[in-house]
Amino acid sequence: MLTATQYVAPLMANFNPGYSDNSTVAYFDNGTVFVVQWDHVYLQGREDRGSFTFQAALHRDGRIVFGYKEIPMSVLEISSSQHPVKAGLSDAFMTLNTSPDVPESRRRAIFEYHRVELDPSKVTSTSAVEFTPLPTCLEHRSCDACMSSDLTFNCSWCHVLQRCSSGFDRYRQEWLAYGCAQEAEGKTCEDFQDEGHYSSSPGSSFSPLDGDHSTTSSFLSLDSLTTEDDTKLNPYAGGDGLQDNLSPKAKGPPVHLGTIVGIVLAVLVVAAIILAGVYISGHPTSNAALFFIERRPHHWPAMRFRNHPNHSTYTEVEPSGHEKEGFVEAEQC
């Protein structure tokens, strides 16, 4: 799904960096800008058209610059049959929901909330493209600044997370899990202050994308543990089902000490039975083995014990399926 919804691509195509020893993919980071450069890379199956050299630079202030040094052919001529051909930016958030038919399974819903596509005809040699980030709700750090924002993203303040958001960014999973959409309905900053329940924002494994470059969006789905169709999930929903599954407070009855002890005892009994069976099988002339043989049911086969130099063995003396007498024929030692 990375090639479909989440990428920073100066030029995405079916490149083969292993075709030539001169082909390299290098990166550089000085703390202010992070640069990745594709140098003399060739298209798979189109190596005769020449090598491509281009780079992407991500600046700390949010600017993104694509630079093209060598583009030997028109991007419109590159085939997308083996690999997507794209140039631009895209990002998406992912939510997890339970399946209505299989409650223990999870479905991943991916929503692409913005994308910027470059005109392929403009990707030529010795050209460059610069992306400048637009302001978003995430830059507001207080309730007053968030609620008074004049941005077109419809910013809302989530008091439990101490975060300003439109609900459509890479933090959306937390936004739904903590019920921020319902919390912000019809409330002002004074209402949050009067409630007096301040809580710090929990740690998040997501990295926010500070700048939106477009509002073009599309909805995609991806199965996680099932093959069930996920296209009917509504990314704009309040996320009640998600809140039940991803709430930071774990739900469910506690495991009692008696249950744990019972499980441990059951495991020990089963282990003892298995060890006893192994011992009796390996020592058929022991007291324990003779004790069980003397008390065996009539349908057990009668055994003839034979003394060998290394160990004792036994064989059936009657065909299986016949009624047997309750005796043991033993040879002289």
C-alpha atoms as a PDB file:
ATOM      1  CA  MET A   1       0.000   0.000   0.000  1.00  0.00           C
ATOM      2  CA  LEU A   2       3.002   2.334   0.278  1.00  0.00           C
ATOM      3  CA  THR A   3       3.082   2.807  -3.486  1.00  0.00           C
ATOM      4  CA  ALA A   4      -0.640   3.602  -3.484  1.00  0.00           C
ATOM      5  CA  THR A   5      -1.188   5.938  -0.544  1.00  0.00           C
ATOM      6  CA  GLN A   6       1.965   6.838   1.415  1.00  0.00           C
ATOM      7  CA  TYR A   7       4.970   8.106  -0.470  1.00  0.00           C
ATOM      8  CA  VAL A   8       7.298  11.005  -1.218  1.00  0.00           C
ATOM      9  CA  ALA A   9       8.184  10.243  -4.827  1.00  0.00           C
ATOM     10  CA  PRO A  10      10.260  12.473  -7.102  1.00  0.00           C
ATOM     11  CA  LEU A  11       9.833   9.658  -9.643  1.00  0.00           C
ATOM     12  CA  MET A  12       8.384   6.251  -8.839  1.00  0.00           C
ATOM     13  CA  ALA A  13       8.960   3.573 -11.501  1.00  0.00           C
ATOM     14  CA  ASN A  14      10.395   0.090 -11.990  1.00  0.00           C
ATOM     15  CA  PHE A  15      14.050   1.056 -11.545  1.00  0.00           C
ATOM     16  CA  ASN A  16      16.804  -1.557 -11.338  1.00  0.00           C
ATOM     17  CA  PRO A  17      19.713  -0.191  -9.242  1.00  0.00           C
ATOM     18  CA  GLY A  18      21.591  -3.477  -9.676  1.00  0.00           C
ATOM     19  CA  TYR A  19      21.918  -3.188 -13.431  1.00  0.00           C
ATOM     20  CA  SER A  20      25.102  -1.098 -13.363  1.00  0.00           C
ATOM     21  CA  ASP A  21      27.987  -0.715 -10.929  1.00  0.00           C
ATOM     22  CA  ASN A  22      27.628   3.042 -11.407  1.00  0.00           C
ATOM     23  CA  SER A  23      24.066   3.024 -10.072  1.00  0.00           C
ATOM     24  CA  THR A  24      23.733   4.262  -6.489  1.00  0.00           C
ATOM     25  CA  VAL A  25      21.075   5.452  -4.074  1.00  0.00           C
ATOM     26  CA  ALA A  26      22.688   7.786  -1.540  1.00  0.00           C
ATOM     27  CA  TYR A  27      21.354   9.870   1.351  1.00  0.00           C
ATOM     28  CA  PHE A  28      22.645  12.842   3.316  1.00  0.00           C
ATOM     29  CA  ASP A  29      21.393  14.488   6.510  1.00  0.00           C
ATOM     30  CA  ASN A  30      22.919  17.573   8.152  1.00  0.00           C
ATOM     31  CA  GLY A  31      20.115  18.191  10.632  1.00  0.00           C
ATOM     32  CA  THR A  32      18.519  20.891   8.495  1.00  0.00           C
ATOM     33  CA  VAL A  33      17.813  18.982   5.292  1.00  0.00           C
ATOM     34  CA  PHE A  34      17.566  15.292   4.455  1.00  0.00           C
ATOM     35  CA  VAL A  35      18.445  14.390   0.850  1.00  0.00           C
ATOM     36  CA  VAL A  36      18.054  11.126  -1.063  1.00  0.00           C
ATOM     37  CA  GLN A  37      19.619  10.886  -4.520  1.00  0.00           C
ATOM     38  CA  TRP A  38      19.112   8.239  -7.196  1.00  0.00           C
ATOM     39  CA  ASP A  39      22.252   8.416  -9.338  1.00  0.00           C
ATOM     40  CA  HIS A  40      22.521   6.721 -12.748  1.00  0.00           C
ATOM     41  CA  VAL A  41      19.702   4.243 -12.210  1.00  0.00           C
ATOM     42  CA  TYR A  42      18.114   2.378 -15.128  1.00  0.00           C
ATOM     43  CA  LEU A  43      14.566   1.267 -15.870  1.00  0.00           C
ATOM     44  CA  GLN A  44      14.042  -2.498 -15.819  1.00  0.00           C
ATOM     45  CA  GLY A  45      13.796  -3.686 -19.421  1.00  0.00           C
ATOM     46  CA  ARG A  46      14.483  -0.201 -20.814  1.00  0.00           C
ATOM     47  CA  GLU A  47      18.161   0.073 -19.990  1.00  0.00           C
ATOM     48  CA  ASP A  48      18.939   1.121 -23.548  1.00  0.00           C
ATOM     49  CA  ARG A  49      17.138   4.440 -22.994  1.00  0.00           C
ATOM     50  CA  GLY A  50      19.815   5.691 -20.602  1.00  0.00           C
ATOM     51  CA  SER A  51      20.207   6.398 -16.887  1.00  0.00           C
ATOM     52  CA  PHE A  52      18.138   8.599 -14.562  1.00  0.00           C
ATOM     53  CA  THR A  53      19.566  10.944 -11.921  1.00  0.00           C
ATOM     54  CA  PHE A  54      17.258  12.815  -9.534  1.00  0.00           C
ATOM     55  CA  GLN A  55      16.853  13.608  -5.840  1.00  0.00           C
ATOM     56  CA  ALA A  56      14.393  14.542  -3.112  1.00  0.00           C
ATOM     57  CA  ALA A  57      15.225  17.021  -0.329  1.00  0.00           C
ATOM     58  CA  LEU A  58      13.119  17.264   2.853  1.00  0.00           C
ATOM     59  CA  HIS A  59      13.749  20.497   4.755  1.00  0.00           C
ATOM     60  CA  ARG A  60      13.171  21.000   8.453  1.00  0.00           C
ATOM     61  CA  ASP A  61      10.741  23.866   7.809  1.00  0.00           C
ATOM     62  CA  GLY A  62       8.455  21.514   5.864  1.00  0.00           C
ATOM     63  CA  ARG A  63       9.527  22.383   2.325  1.00  0.00           C
ATOM     64  CA  ILE A  64      10.081  19.488  -0.083  1.00  0.00           C
ATOM     65  CA  VAL A  65      12.199  19.929  -3.221  1.00  0.00           C
ATOM     66  CA  PHE A  66      12.452  17.488  -6.123  1.00  0.00           C
ATOM     67  CA  GLY A  67      15.458  17.989  -8.406  1.00  0.00           C
ATOM     68  CA  TYR A  68      15.883  16.288 -11.789  1.00  0.00           C
ATOM     69  CA  LYS A  69      19.339  16.225 -13.379  1.00  0.00           C
ATOM     70  CA  GLU A  70      18.997  13.519 -16.040  1.00  0.00           C
ATOM     71  CA  ILE A  71      15.636  12.259 -17.336  1.00  0.00           C
ATOM     72  CA  PRO A  72      16.516  10.528 -20.657  1.00  0.00           C
ATOM     73  CA  MET A  73      12.928   9.841 -21.749  1.00  0.00           C
ATOM     74  CA  SER A  74       9.442  11.221 -21.233  1.00  0.00           C
ATOM     75  CA  VAL A  75       7.775   9.975 -18.070  1.00  0.00           C
ATOM     76  CA  LEU A  76       4.609   9.445 -20.114  1.00  0.00           C
ATOM     77  CA  GLU A  77       6.444   6.702 -22.040  1.00  0.00           C
ATOM     78  CA  ILE A  78       7.325   4.689 -18.896  1.00  0.00           C
ATOM     79  CA  SER A  79       5.154   1.576 -18.570  1.00  0.00           C
ATOM     80  CA  SER A  80       3.240   1.009 -15.323  1.00  0.00           C
ATOM     81  CA  SER A  81       2.454  -2.663 -16.019  1.00  0.00           C
ATOM     82  CA  GLN A  82       5.202  -3.952 -13.682  1.00  0.00           C
ATOM     83  CA  HIS A  83       5.295  -1.093 -11.176  1.00  0.00           C
ATOM     84  CA  PRO A  84       3.307   2.130 -10.529  1.00  0.00           C
ATOM     85  CA  VAL A  85       4.660   5.262 -12.194  1.00  0.00           C
ATOM     86  CA  LYS A  86       4.085   8.359 -10.073  1.00  0.00           C
ATOM     87  CA  ALA A  87       5.598  11.703  -9.174  1.00  0.00           C
ATOM     88  CA  GLY A  88       4.331  13.635  -6.187  1.00  0.00           C
ATOM     89  CA  LEU A  89       3.250  13.295  -2.548  1.00  0.00           C
ATOM     90  CA  SER A  90       0.614  11.261  -0.753  1.00  0.00           C
ATOM     91  CA  ASP A  91      -0.199  10.389   2.824  1.00  0.00           C
ATOM     92  CA  ALA A  92      -2.870   8.338   4.592  1.00  0.00           C
ATOM     93  CA  PHE A  93      -3.967   7.271   8.041  1.00  0.00           C
ATOM     94  CA  MET A  94      -4.949   3.768   9.127  1.00  0.00           C
ATOM     95  CA  THR A  95      -7.715   2.697  11.512  1.00  0.00           C
ATOM     96  CA  LEU A  96      -8.450  -0.717  13.020  1.00  0.00           C
ATOM     97  CA  ASN A  97     -11.974  -2.087  13.380  1.00  0.00           C
ATOM     98  CA  THR A  98     -13.419  -5.411  14.434  1.00  0.00           C
ATOM     99  CA  SER A  99     -15.062  -7.587  11.828  1.00  0.00           C
ATOM    100  CA  PRO A 100     -18.829  -7.998  12.429  1.00  0.00           C
ATOM    101  CA  ASP A 101     -18.638 -11.687  11.469  1.00  0.00           C
ATOM    102  CA  VAL A 102     -15.342 -12.558  13.204  1.00  0.00           C
ATOM    103  CA  PRO A 103     -15.104 -10.449  16.406  1.00  0.00           C
ATOM    104  CA  GLU A 104     -11.571 -11.622  17.250  1.00  0.00           C
ATOM    105  CA  SER A 105     -10.194 -10.435  13.910  1.00  0.00           C
ATOM    106  CA  ARG A 106      -9.191  -6.908  12.934  1.00  0.00           C
ATOM    107  CA  ARG A 107      -9.623  -5.002   9.688  1.00  0.00           C
ATOM    108  CA  ARG A 108      -7.297  -2.226   8.614  1.00  0.00           C
ATOM    109  CA  ALA A 109      -8.914   0.683   6.829  1.00  0.00           C
ATOM    110  CA  ILE A 110      -6.574   3.075   5.020  1.00  0.00           C
ATOM    111  CA  PHE A 111      -7.832   6.553   4.139  1.00  0.00           C
ATOM    112  CA  GLU A 112      -5.747   8.725   1.861  1.00  0.00           C
ATOM    113  CA  TYR A 113      -6.497  12.207   3.137  1.00  0.00           C
ATOM    114  CA  HIS A 114      -4.417  14.215   0.668  1.00  0.00           C
ATOM    115  CA  ARG A 115      -2.299  13.850  -2.452  1.00  0.00           C
ATOM    116  CA  VAL A 116      -0.324  16.084  -4.804  1.00  0.00           C
ATOM    117  CA  GLU A 117       0.391  14.730  -8.268  1.00  0.00           C
ATOM    118  CA  LEU A 118       2.958  16.311 -10.574  1.00  0.00           C
ATOM    119  CA  ASP A 119       2.272  16.703 -14.253  1.00  0.00           C
ATOM    120  CA  PRO A 120       4.490  13.951 -15.794  1.00  0.00           C
ATOM    121  CA  SER A 121       5.227  16.124 -18.813  1.00  0.00           C
ATOM    122  CA  LYS A 122       6.938  18.662 -16.525  1.00  0.00           C
ATOM    123  CA  VAL A 123       9.417  16.097 -15.150  1.00  0.00           C
ATOM    124  CA  THR A 124      12.370  16.801 -17.427  1.00  0.00           C
ATOM    125  CA  SER A 125      16.137  17.118 -17.199  1.00  0.00           C
ATOM    126  CA  THR A 126      17.566  20.117 -15.273  1.00  0.00           C
ATOM    127  CA  SER A 127      14.217  20.940 -13.673  1.00  0.00           C
ATOM    128  CA  ALA A 128      13.051  21.232 -10.060  1.00  0.00           C
ATOM    129  CA  VAL A 129       9.789  21.374  -8.096  1.00  0.00           C
ATOM    130  CA  GLU A 130       9.341  22.942  -4.650  1.00  0.00           C
ATOM    131  CA  PHE A 131       6.433  22.135  -2.296  1.00  0.00           C
ATOM    132  CA  THR A 132       5.591  24.695   0.388  1.00  0.00           C
ATOM    133  CA  PRO A 133       3.491  23.396   3.307  1.00  0.00           C
ATOM    134  CA  LEU A 134       0.187  25.004   4.191  1.00  0.00           C
ATOM    135  CA  PRO A 135      -0.690  25.696   7.842  1.00  0.00           C
ATOM    136  CA  THR A 136      -2.710  22.984   9.595  1.00  0.00           C
ATOM    137  CA  CYS A 137      -4.564  22.549  12.861  1.00  0.00           C
ATOM    138  CA  LEU A 138      -1.658  20.627  14.370  1.00  0.00           C
ATOM    139  CA  GLU A 139       0.431  23.801  14.697  1.00  0.00           C
ATOM    140  CA  HIS A 140      -1.935  25.203  17.351  1.00  0.00           C
ATOM    141  CA  ARG A 141      -0.807  24.288  20.873  1.00  0.00           C
ATOM    142  CA  SER A 142      -3.645  25.736  22.970  1.00  0.00           C
ATOM    143  CA  CYS A 143      -7.415  25.511  23.017  1.00  0.00           C
ATOM    144  CA  ASP A 144      -7.909  29.242  22.448  1.00  0.00           C
ATOM    145  CA  ALA A 145      -5.646  29.304  19.391  1.00  0.00           C
ATOM    146  CA  CYS A 146      -7.312  26.174  18.028  1.00  0.00           C
ATOM    147  CA  MET A 147     -10.912  27.334  18.448  1.00  0.00           C
ATOM    148  CA  SER A 148     -10.179  30.808  17.038  1.00  0.00           C
ATOM    149  CA  SER A 149      -8.316  29.459  14.004  1.00  0.00           C
ATOM    150  CA  ASP A 150      -9.511  30.771  10.660  1.00  0.00           C
ATOM    151  CA  LEU A 151      -8.110  27.821   8.703  1.00  0.00           C
ATOM    152  CA  THR A 152     -10.400  25.968   6.337  1.00  0.00           C
ATOM    153  CA  PHE A 153      -9.667  22.639   8.041  1.00  0.00           C
ATOM    154  CA  ASN A 154     -12.421  22.994  10.700  1.00  0.00           C
ATOM    155  CA  CYS A 155     -10.079  22.675  13.686  1.00  0.00           C
ATOM    156  CA  SER A 156     -11.331  21.129  16.943  1.00  0.00           C
ATOM    157  CA  TRP A 157      -9.684  20.857  20.357  1.00  0.00           C
ATOM    158  CA  CYS A 158      -9.345  17.476  22.074  1.00  0.00           C
ATOM    159  CA  HIS A 159      -8.873  18.131  25.778  1.00  0.00           C
ATOM    160  CA  VAL A 160      -7.855  14.590  26.771  1.00  0.00           C
ATOM    161  CA  LEU A 161      -5.058  14.578  24.175  1.00  0.00           C
ATOM    162  CA  GLN A 162      -4.273  18.303  24.452  1.00  0.00           C
ATOM    163  CA  ARG A 163      -4.257  18.435  20.666  1.00  0.00           C
ATOM    164  CA  CYS A 164      -5.777  20.589  17.931  1.00  0.00           C
ATOM    165  CA  SER A 165      -6.817  18.695  14.826  1.00  0.00           C
ATOM    166  CA  SER A 166      -9.378  18.396  12.069  1.00  0.00           C
ATOM    167  CA  GLY A 167      -9.451  14.645  12.721  1.00  0.00           C
ATOM    168  CA  PHE A 168      -7.930  13.863   9.345  1.00  0.00           C
ATOM    169  CA  ASP A 169      -4.210  13.389   9.829  1.00  0.00           C
ATOM    170  CA  ARG A 170      -1.888  10.612  10.925  1.00  0.00           C
ATOM    171  CA  TYR A 171      -3.144  10.960  14.499  1.00  0.00           C
ATOM    172  CA  ARG A 172      -6.702   9.964  13.518  1.00  0.00           C
ATOM    173  CA  GLN A 173      -6.501   6.541  15.181  1.00  0.00           C
ATOM    174  CA  GLU A 174      -5.942   8.195  18.563  1.00  0.00           C
ATOM    175  CA  TRP A 175      -8.499  10.871  17.733  1.00  0.00           C
ATOM    176  CA  LEU A 176     -11.166   8.192  17.357  1.00  0.00           C
ATOM    177  CA  ALA A 177      -9.927   5.942  20.176  1.00  0.00           C
ATOM    178  CA  TYR A 178     -10.195   8.725  22.773  1.00  0.00           C
ATOM    179  CA  GLY A 179     -13.545   9.989  21.503  1.00  0.00           C
ATOM    180  CA  CYS A 180     -12.226  13.415  20.529  1.00  0.00           C
ATOM    181  CA  ALA A 181     -14.884  13.923  17.856  1.00  0.00           C
ATOM    182  CA  GLN A 182     -17.689  13.586  20.414  1.00  0.00           C
ATOM    183  CA  GLU A 183     -15.820  15.516  23.104  1.00  0.00           C
ATOM    184  CA  ALA A 184     -15.441  18.636  20.971  1.00  0.00           C
ATOM    185  CA  GLU A 185     -19.108  18.849  19.924  1.00  0.00           C
ATOM    186  CA  GLY A 186     -20.710  22.056  21.176  1.00  0.00           C
ATOM    187  CA  LYS A 187     -17.984  22.813  23.746  1.00  0.00           C
ATOM    188  CA  THR A 188     -15.842  25.867  24.288  1.00  0.00           C
ATOM    189  CA  CYS A 189     -12.482  26.288  25.964  1.00  0.00           C
ATOM    190  CA  GLU A 190     -14.282  27.596  29.088  1.00  0.00           C
ATOM    191  CA  ASP A 191     -16.215  24.321  29.302  1.00  0.00           C
ATOM    192  CA  PHE A 192     -12.973  22.339  29.325  1.00  0.00           C
ATOM    193  CA  GLN A 193     -11.531  24.553  32.063  1.00  0.00           C
ATOM    194  CA  ASP A 194     -14.645  24.168  34.215  1.00  0.00           C
ATOM    195  CA  GLU A 195     -14.502  20.385  34.013  1.00  0.00           C
ATOM    196  CA  GLY A 196     -11.060  20.468  35.655  1.00  0.00           C
ATOM    197  CA  HIS A 197      -9.931  17.051  34.433  1.00  0.00           C
ATOM    198  CA  TYR A 198      -6.557  17.745  32.919  1.00  0.00           C
ATOM    199  CA  SER A 199      -4.632  14.869  31.444  1.00  0.00           C
ATOM    200  CA  SER A 200      -1.403  14.746  29.512  1.00  0.00           C
ATOM    201  CA  SER A 201      -1.300  13.497  25.981  1.00  0.00           C
ATOM    202  CA  PRO A 202      -0.346   9.817  25.847  1.00  0.00           C
ATOM    203  CA  GLY A 203       2.647   8.682  23.855  1.00  0.00           C
ATOM    204  CA  SER A 204       1.983   7.994  20.230  1.00  0.00           C
ATOM    205  CA  SER A 205       3.765   5.806  17.753  1.00  0.00           C
ATOM    206  CA  PHE A 206       2.559   8.007  14.883  1.00  0.00           C
ATOM    207  CA  SER A 207       4.433  10.925  13.406  1.00  0.00           C
ATOM    208  CA  PRO A 208       2.220  13.843  12.381  1.00  0.00           C
ATOM    209  CA  LEU A 209       2.591  15.341   8.956  1.00  0.00           C
ATOM    210  CA  ASP A 210       2.724  19.036   9.755  1.00  0.00           C
ATOM    211  CA  GLY A 211       1.845  20.288   6.285  1.00  0.00           C
ATOM    212  CA  ASP A 212      -1.080  19.517   4.008  1.00  0.00           C
ATOM    213  CA  HIS A 213      -0.493  20.211   0.323  1.00  0.00           C
ATOM    214  CA  SER A 214      -3.868  19.278  -1.123  1.00  0.00           C
ATOM    215  CA  THR A 215      -7.354  18.198  -0.137  1.00  0.00           C
ATOM    216  CA  THR A 216      -7.775  15.510  -2.774  1.00  0.00           C
ATOM    217  CA  SER A 217      -8.656  12.249  -1.035  1.00  0.00           C
ATOM    218  CA  SER A 218      -9.755   8.716  -1.711  1.00  0.00           C
ATOM    219  CA  PHE A 219     -10.620   5.744   0.468  1.00  0.00           C
ATOM    220  CA  LEU A 220      -8.768   2.432   0.270  1.00  0.00           C
ATOM    221  CA  SER A 221      -9.024  -0.706   2.344  1.00  0.00           C
ATOM    222  CA  LEU A 222      -6.626  -3.466   3.312  1.00  0.00           C
ATOM    223  CA  ASP A 223      -7.410  -6.712   5.122  1.00  0.00           C
ATOM    224  CA  SER A 224      -5.319  -7.426   8.188  1.00  0.00           C
ATOM    225  CA  LEU A 225      -6.215 -10.895   9.441  1.00  0.00           C
ATOM    226  CA  THR A 226      -9.212 -11.723   7.259  1.00  0.00           C
ATOM    227  CA  THR A 227     -10.089 -11.555   3.587  1.00  0.00           C
ATOM    228  CA  GLU A 228     -13.332  -9.749   4.265  1.00  0.00           C
ATOM    229  CA  ASP A 229     -14.266  -6.796   2.094  1.00  0.00           C
ATOM    230  CA  ASP A 230     -13.409  -3.589   3.893  1.00  0.00           C
ATOM    231  CA  THR A 231     -14.636  -1.036   1.411  1.00  0.00           C
ATOM    232  CA  LYS A 232     -17.814  -0.232   3.328  1.00  0.00           C
ATOM    233  CA  LEU A 233     -15.990   1.219   6.321  1.00  0.00           C
ATOM    234  CA  ASN A 234     -16.758   4.906   6.782  1.00  0.00           C
ATOM    235  CA  PRO A 235     -13.652   6.917   7.672  1.00  0.00           C
ATOM    236  CA  TYR A 236     -15.845   9.828   8.741  1.00  0.00           C
ATOM    237  CA  ALA A 237     -17.667   7.771  11.373  1.00  0.00           C
ATOM    238  CA  GLY A 238     -17.325   8.594  15.016  1.00  0.00           C
ATOM    239  CA  GLY A 239     -15.374   5.410  15.643  1.00  0.00           C
ATOM    240  CA  ASP A 240     -17.431   3.840  18.440  1.00  0.00           C
ATOM    241  CA  GLY A 241     -16.322   0.326  17.504  1.00  0.00           C
ATOM    242  CA  LEU A 242     -12.711   1.444  17.338  1.00  0.00           C
ATOM    243  CA  GLN A 243     -12.961   3.074  20.739  1.00  0.00           C
ATOM    244  CA  ASP A 244     -14.052  -0.211  22.295  1.00  0.00           C
ATOM    245  CA  ASN A 245     -11.032  -2.021  20.888  1.00  0.00           C
ATOM    246  CA  LEU A 246      -8.294   0.576  21.231  1.00  0.00           C
ATOM    247  CA  SER A 247      -9.235   2.271  24.488  1.00  0.00           C
ATOM    248  CA  PRO A 248      -6.170   2.767  26.680  1.00  0.00           C
ATOM    249  CA  LYS A 249      -8.030   1.168  29.588  1.00  0.00           C
ATOM    250  CA  ALA A 250      -8.099  -2.563  29.016  1.00  0.00           C
ATOM    251  CA  LYS A 251     -11.465  -4.222  29.446  1.00  0.00           C
ATOM    252  CA  GLY A 252     -12.353  -7.746  30.571  1.00  0.00           C
ATOM    253  CA  PRO A 253     -12.679  -9.769  33.784  1.00  0.00           C
ATOM    254  CA  PRO A 254      -9.529 -10.287  35.887  1.00  0.00           C
ATOM    255  CA  VAL A 255      -7.877 -13.686  35.986  1.00  0.00           C
ATOM    256  CA  HIS A 256      -8.291 -15.202  39.488  1.00  0.00           C
ATOM    257  CA  LEU A 257      -5.459 -16.890  41.370  1.00  0.00           C
ATOM    258  CA  GLY A 258      -7.496 -20.095  41.712  1.00  0.00           C
ATOM    259  CA  THR A 259      -7.787 -20.379  37.946  1.00  0.00           C
ATOM    260  CA  ILE A 260      -4.033 -20.029  37.529  1.00  0.00           C
ATOM    261  CA  VAL A 261      -3.356 -22.650  40.210  1.00  0.00           C
ATOM    262  CA  GLY A 262      -5.824 -25.052  38.599  1.00  0.00           C
ATOM    263  CA  ILE A 263      -4.163 -24.673  35.215  1.00  0.00           C
ATOM    264  CA  VAL A 264      -0.706 -25.269  36.705  1.00  0.00           C
ATOM    265  CA  LEU A 265      -1.904 -28.406  38.548  1.00  0.00           C
ATOM    266  CA  ALA A 266      -3.544 -29.762  35.402  1.00  0.00           C
ATOM    267  CA  VAL A 267      -0.324 -29.265  33.455  1.00  0.00           C
ATOM    268  CA  LEU A 268       1.689 -31.036  36.167  1.00  0.00           C
ATOM    269  CA  VAL A 269      -0.719 -34.011  36.234  1.00  0.00           C
ATOM    270  CA  VAL A 270      -0.570 -34.390  32.461  1.00  0.00           C
ATOM    271  CA  ALA A 271       3.226 -34.159  32.550  1.00  0.00           C
ATOM    272  CA  ALA A 272       3.398 -36.822  35.290  1.00  0.00           C
ATOM    273  CA  ILE A 273       1.179 -39.188  33.292  1.00  0.00           C
ATOM    274  CA  ILE A 274       3.322 -38.725  30.202  1.00  0.00           C
ATOM    275  CA  LEU A 275       6.564 -39.329  32.120  1.00  0.00           C
ATOM    276  CA  ALA A 276       5.098 -42.429  33.781  1.00  0.00           C
ATOM    277  CA  GLY A 277       4.051 -43.804  30.410  1.00  0.00           C
ATOM    278  CA  VAL A 278       7.512 -43.212  28.989  1.00  0.00           C
ATOM    279  CA  TYR A 279       9.137 -44.939  31.972  1.00  0.00           C
ATOM    280  CA  ILE A 280       6.839 -47.979  31.799  1.00  0.00           C
ATOM    281  CA  SER A 281       7.375 -48.317  28.048  1.00  0.00           C
ATOM    282  CA  GLY A 282      11.137 -48.295  28.508  1.00  0.00           C
ATOM    283  CA  HIS A 283      11.115 -50.631  31.560  1.00  0.00           C
ATOM    284  CA  PRO A 284       8.450 -53.305  30.871  1.00  0.00           C
ATOM    285  CA  THR A 285       9.761 -55.629  33.620  1.00  0.00           C
ATOM    286  CA  SER A 286       9.599 -53.018  36.355  1.00  0.00           C
ATOM    287  CA  ASN A 287       7.166 -53.294  39.239  1.00  0.00           C
ATOM    288  CA  ALA A 288       5.073 -50.464  37.893  1.00  0.00           C
ATOM    289  CA  ALA A 289       4.753 -52.113  34.464  1.00  0.00           C
ATOM    290  CA  LEU A 290       3.832 -55.501  35.971  1.00  0.00           C
ATOM    291  CA  PHE A 291       1.297 -53.802  38.247  1.00  0.00           C
ATOM    292  CA  PHE A 292      -0.584 -52.345  35.287  1.00  0.00           C
ATOM    293  CA  ILE A 293      -0.262 -55.516  33.165  1.00  0.00           C
ATOM    294  CA  GLU A 294      -1.790 -57.690  35.899  1.00  0.00           C
ATOM    295  CA  ARG A 295      -4.776 -55.344  36.089  1.00  0.00           C
ATOM    296  CA  ARG A 296      -5.228 -54.798  32.374  1.00  0.00           C
ATOM    297  CA  PRO A 297      -8.646 -55.295  30.698  1.00  0.00           C
ATOM    298  CA  HIS A 298      -9.267 -58.493  28.752  1.00  0.00           C
ATOM    299  CA  HIS A 299      -9.010 -56.733  25.400  1.00  0.00           C
ATOM    300  CA  TRP A 300      -5.378 -55.827  26.079  1.00  0.00           C
ATOM    301  CA  PRO A 301      -2.968 -58.043  24.109  1.00  0.00           C
ATOM    302  CA  ALA A 302      -1.050 -60.699  25.999  1.00  0.00           C
ATOM    303  CA  MET A 303       2.677 -60.021  25.936  1.00  0.00           C
ATOM    304  CA  ARG A 304       5.723 -62.253  25.752  1.00  0.00           C
ATOM    305  CA  PHE A 305       8.795 -60.715  27.336  1.00  0.00           C
ATOM    306  CA  ARG A 306      12.186 -61.533  25.892  1.00  0.00           C
ATOM    307  CA  ASN A 307      15.459 -60.861  27.588  1.00  0.00           C
ATOM    308  CA  HIS A 308      18.045 -59.166  25.399  1.00  0.00           C
ATOM    309  CA  PRO A 309      21.588 -58.232  26.380  1.00  0.00           C
ATOM    310  CA  ASN A 310      20.840 -54.499  26.353  1.00  0.00           C
ATOM    311  CA  HIS A 311      17.204 -54.170  27.347  1.00  0.00           C
ATOM    312  CA  SER A 312      13.965 -56.089  27.673  1.00  0.00           C
ATOM    313  CA  THR A 313      11.384 -56.044  24.909  1.00  0.00           C
ATOM    314  CA  TYR A 314       7.927 -57.443  24.385  1.00  0.00           C
ATOM    315  CA  THR A 315       5.830 -58.688  21.450  1.00  0.00           C
ATOM    316  CA  GLU A 316       2.212 -59.702  20.969  1.00  0.00           C
ATOM    317  CA  VAL A 317       1.629 -63.456  21.096  1.00  0.00           C
ATOM    318  CA  GLU A 318      -1.883 -63.340  19.568  1.00  0.00           C
ATOM    319  CA  PRO A 319      -3.249 -61.542  16.524  1.00  0.00           C
ATOM    320  CA  SER A 320      -5.009 -58.279  17.186  1.00  0.00           C
ATOM    321  CA  GLY A 321      -8.797 -58.405  17.186  1.00  0.00           C
ATOM    322  CA  HIS A 322      -9.032 -61.776  19.059  1.00  0.00           C
ATOM    323  CA  GLU A 323     -10.109 -62.211  22.642  1.00  0.00           C
ATOM    324  CA  LYS A 324      -7.063 -62.791  24.800  1.00  0.00           C
ATOM    325  CA  GLU A 325      -6.537 -64.447  28.124  1.00  0.00           C
ATOM    326  CA  GLY A 326      -5.309 -62.415  31.024  1.00  0.00           C
ATOM    327  CA  PHE A 327      -1.868 -63.995  31.305  1.00  0.00           C
ATOM    328  CA  VAL A 328       1.761 -63.265  30.548  1.00  0.00           C
ATOM    329  CA  GLU A 329       4.165 -65.829  29.092  1.00  0.00           C
ATOM    330  CA  ALA A 330       7.678 -65.103  30.262  1.00  0.00           C
ATOM    331  CA  GLU A 331      10.829 -66.834  29.134  1.00  0.00           C
ATOM    332  CA  GLN A 332      13.506 -68.031  31.460  1.00  0.00           C
ATOM    333  CA  CYS A 333      16.232 -65.530  32.122  1.00  0.00           C
END
